[in-house]
Amino acid sequence: MDHNLGKNIAELRKSKGWTQATLAEKLNISDKAVSKWESEAGYPEYTMLPKLADIFGVSLDYLMTGKEVQPEIITMSKAE
């Protein structure tokens, strides 16, 4: 499934039951800015991305891609 930032913002916002105006109020921006992001006519400032992830309770990876990145687990033997 193809994910993009605007689509992810829209899906996360809707999952919270928020309107575009509600999200805009939480970010101290206009609802028109949120609308532009969701329609991909514009994008949030990069400094806004951590705040968006925090508000939605997701990682930056998830916000940007719609997928959680699994941490790489490295095991070492005693011989190493």
C-alpha atoms as a PDB file:
ATOM      1  CA  MET A   1       0.000   0.000   0.000  1.00  0.00           C
ATOM      2  CA  ASP A   2       1.372   3.385  -0.985  1.00  0.00           C
ATOM      3  CA  HIS A   3       1.570   5.881   1.878  1.00  0.00           C
ATOM      4  CA  ASN A   4       2.464   9.518   1.856  1.00  0.00           C
ATOM      5  CA  LEU A   5       2.722  12.236   4.473  1.00  0.00           C
ATOM      6  CA  GLY A   6      -0.532  14.015   3.620  1.00  0.00           C
ATOM      7  CA  LYS A   7      -2.498  10.772   3.580  1.00  0.00           C
ATOM      8  CA  ASN A   8      -0.948   9.701   6.884  1.00  0.00           C
ATOM      9  CA  ILE A   9      -1.813  13.012   8.539  1.00  0.00           C
ATOM     10  CA  ALA A  10      -5.417  12.720   7.312  1.00  0.00           C
ATOM     11  CA  GLU A  11      -5.741   9.109   8.501  1.00  0.00           C
ATOM     12  CA  LEU A  12      -4.212   9.846  11.910  1.00  0.00           C
ATOM     13  CA  ARG A  13      -6.385  12.935  12.353  1.00  0.00           C
ATOM     14  CA  LYS A  14      -9.546  11.026  11.467  1.00  0.00           C
ATOM     15  CA  SER A  15      -8.591   8.149  13.779  1.00  0.00           C
ATOM     16  CA  LYS A  16      -8.599  10.675  16.642  1.00  0.00           C
ATOM     17  CA  GLY A  17     -12.003  11.974  15.557  1.00  0.00           C
ATOM     18  CA  TRP A  18     -10.572  15.435  14.945  1.00  0.00           C
ATOM     19  CA  THR A  19     -11.539  17.937  12.293  1.00  0.00           C
ATOM     20  CA  GLN A  20      -8.891  19.807  10.350  1.00  0.00           C
ATOM     21  CA  ALA A  21      -9.744  22.829  12.512  1.00  0.00           C
ATOM     22  CA  THR A  22      -9.119  20.825  15.705  1.00  0.00           C
ATOM     23  CA  LEU A  23      -5.684  19.701  14.525  1.00  0.00           C
ATOM     24  CA  ALA A  24      -4.879  23.230  13.352  1.00  0.00           C
ATOM     25  CA  GLU A  25      -5.794  24.615  16.773  1.00  0.00           C
ATOM     26  CA  LYS A  26      -3.506  22.111  18.513  1.00  0.00           C
ATOM     27  CA  LEU A  27      -0.645  23.243  16.248  1.00  0.00           C
ATOM     28  CA  ASN A  28      -1.476  26.968  16.324  1.00  0.00           C
ATOM     29  CA  ILE A  29      -1.834  27.111  12.544  1.00  0.00           C
ATOM     30  CA  SER A  30      -4.741  27.624  10.136  1.00  0.00           C
ATOM     31  CA  ASP A  31      -7.073  24.835   9.093  1.00  0.00           C
ATOM     32  CA  LYS A  32      -6.223  25.793   5.513  1.00  0.00           C
ATOM     33  CA  ALA A  33      -2.626  24.701   6.156  1.00  0.00           C
ATOM     34  CA  VAL A  34      -3.841  21.294   7.363  1.00  0.00           C
ATOM     35  CA  SER A  35      -6.059  21.033   4.285  1.00  0.00           C
ATOM     36  CA  LYS A  36      -3.070  21.784   2.023  1.00  0.00           C
ATOM     37  CA  TRP A  37      -0.987  19.087   3.731  1.00  0.00           C
ATOM     38  CA  GLU A  38      -3.706  16.483   3.403  1.00  0.00           C
ATOM     39  CA  SER A  39      -4.299  17.289  -0.274  1.00  0.00           C
ATOM     40  CA  GLU A  40      -0.528  17.457  -0.835  1.00  0.00           C
ATOM     41  CA  ALA A  41      -0.750  21.011  -2.155  1.00  0.00           C
ATOM     42  CA  GLY A  42       1.859  21.794   0.493  1.00  0.00           C
ATOM     43  CA  TYR A  43       3.819  20.198   3.301  1.00  0.00           C
ATOM     44  CA  PRO A  44       4.453  21.023   6.950  1.00  0.00           C
ATOM     45  CA  GLU A  45       7.659  22.759   7.946  1.00  0.00           C
ATOM     46  CA  TYR A  46      10.183  20.100   8.929  1.00  0.00           C
ATOM     47  CA  THR A  47      10.269  21.556  12.444  1.00  0.00           C
ATOM     48  CA  MET A  48       6.555  20.702  12.745  1.00  0.00           C
ATOM     49  CA  LEU A  49       7.073  16.979  12.102  1.00  0.00           C
ATOM     50  CA  PRO A  50       8.149  15.982  15.654  1.00  0.00           C
ATOM     51  CA  LYS A  51       5.186  17.892  17.078  1.00  0.00           C
ATOM     52  CA  LEU A  52       2.802  16.136  14.692  1.00  0.00           C
ATOM     53  CA  ALA A  53       4.232  12.734  15.614  1.00  0.00           C
ATOM     54  CA  ASP A  54       3.900  13.584  19.307  1.00  0.00           C
ATOM     55  CA  ILE A  55       0.303  14.807  18.984  1.00  0.00           C
ATOM     56  CA  PHE A  56      -0.673  11.609  17.173  1.00  0.00           C
ATOM     57  CA  GLY A  57       1.417   9.360  19.435  1.00  0.00           C
ATOM     58  CA  VAL A  58       3.401   7.827  16.582  1.00  0.00           C
ATOM     59  CA  SER A  59       7.054   7.747  15.552  1.00  0.00           C
ATOM     60  CA  LEU A  60       8.458  10.049  12.887  1.00  0.00           C
ATOM     61  CA  ASP A  61       9.003   6.958  10.737  1.00  0.00           C
ATOM     62  CA  TYR A  62       5.325   6.093  10.943  1.00  0.00           C
ATOM     63  CA  LEU A  63       4.241   9.667  10.269  1.00  0.00           C
ATOM     64  CA  MET A  64       6.412   9.834   7.151  1.00  0.00           C
ATOM     65  CA  THR A  65       5.915   6.334   5.734  1.00  0.00           C
ATOM     66  CA  GLY A  66       2.908   4.734   7.396  1.00  0.00           C
ATOM     67  CA  LYS A  67       5.191   1.942   8.619  1.00  0.00           C
ATOM     68  CA  GLU A  68       7.068   1.358  11.838  1.00  0.00           C
ATOM     69  CA  VAL A  69      10.739   0.666  11.310  1.00  0.00           C
ATOM     70  CA  GLN A  70      11.814  -2.389  13.243  1.00  0.00           C
ATOM     71  CA  PRO A  71      15.068  -1.886  15.119  1.00  0.00           C
ATOM     72  CA  GLU A  72      17.894  -4.081  13.948  1.00  0.00           C
ATOM     73  CA  ILE A  73      18.926  -6.507  16.654  1.00  0.00           C
ATOM     74  CA  ILE A  74      22.576  -7.454  16.617  1.00  0.00           C
ATOM     75  CA  THR A  75      23.724 -10.390  18.687  1.00  0.00           C
ATOM     76  CA  MET A  76      27.330 -11.060  19.476  1.00  0.00           C
ATOM     77  CA  SER A  77      28.936 -14.180  20.753  1.00  0.00           C
ATOM     78  CA  LYS A  78      31.546 -14.119  23.503  1.00  0.00           C
ATOM     79  CA  ALA A  79      34.198 -14.951  20.915  1.00  0.00           C
ATOM     80  CA  GLU A  80      33.587 -11.620  19.194  1.00  0.00           C
END
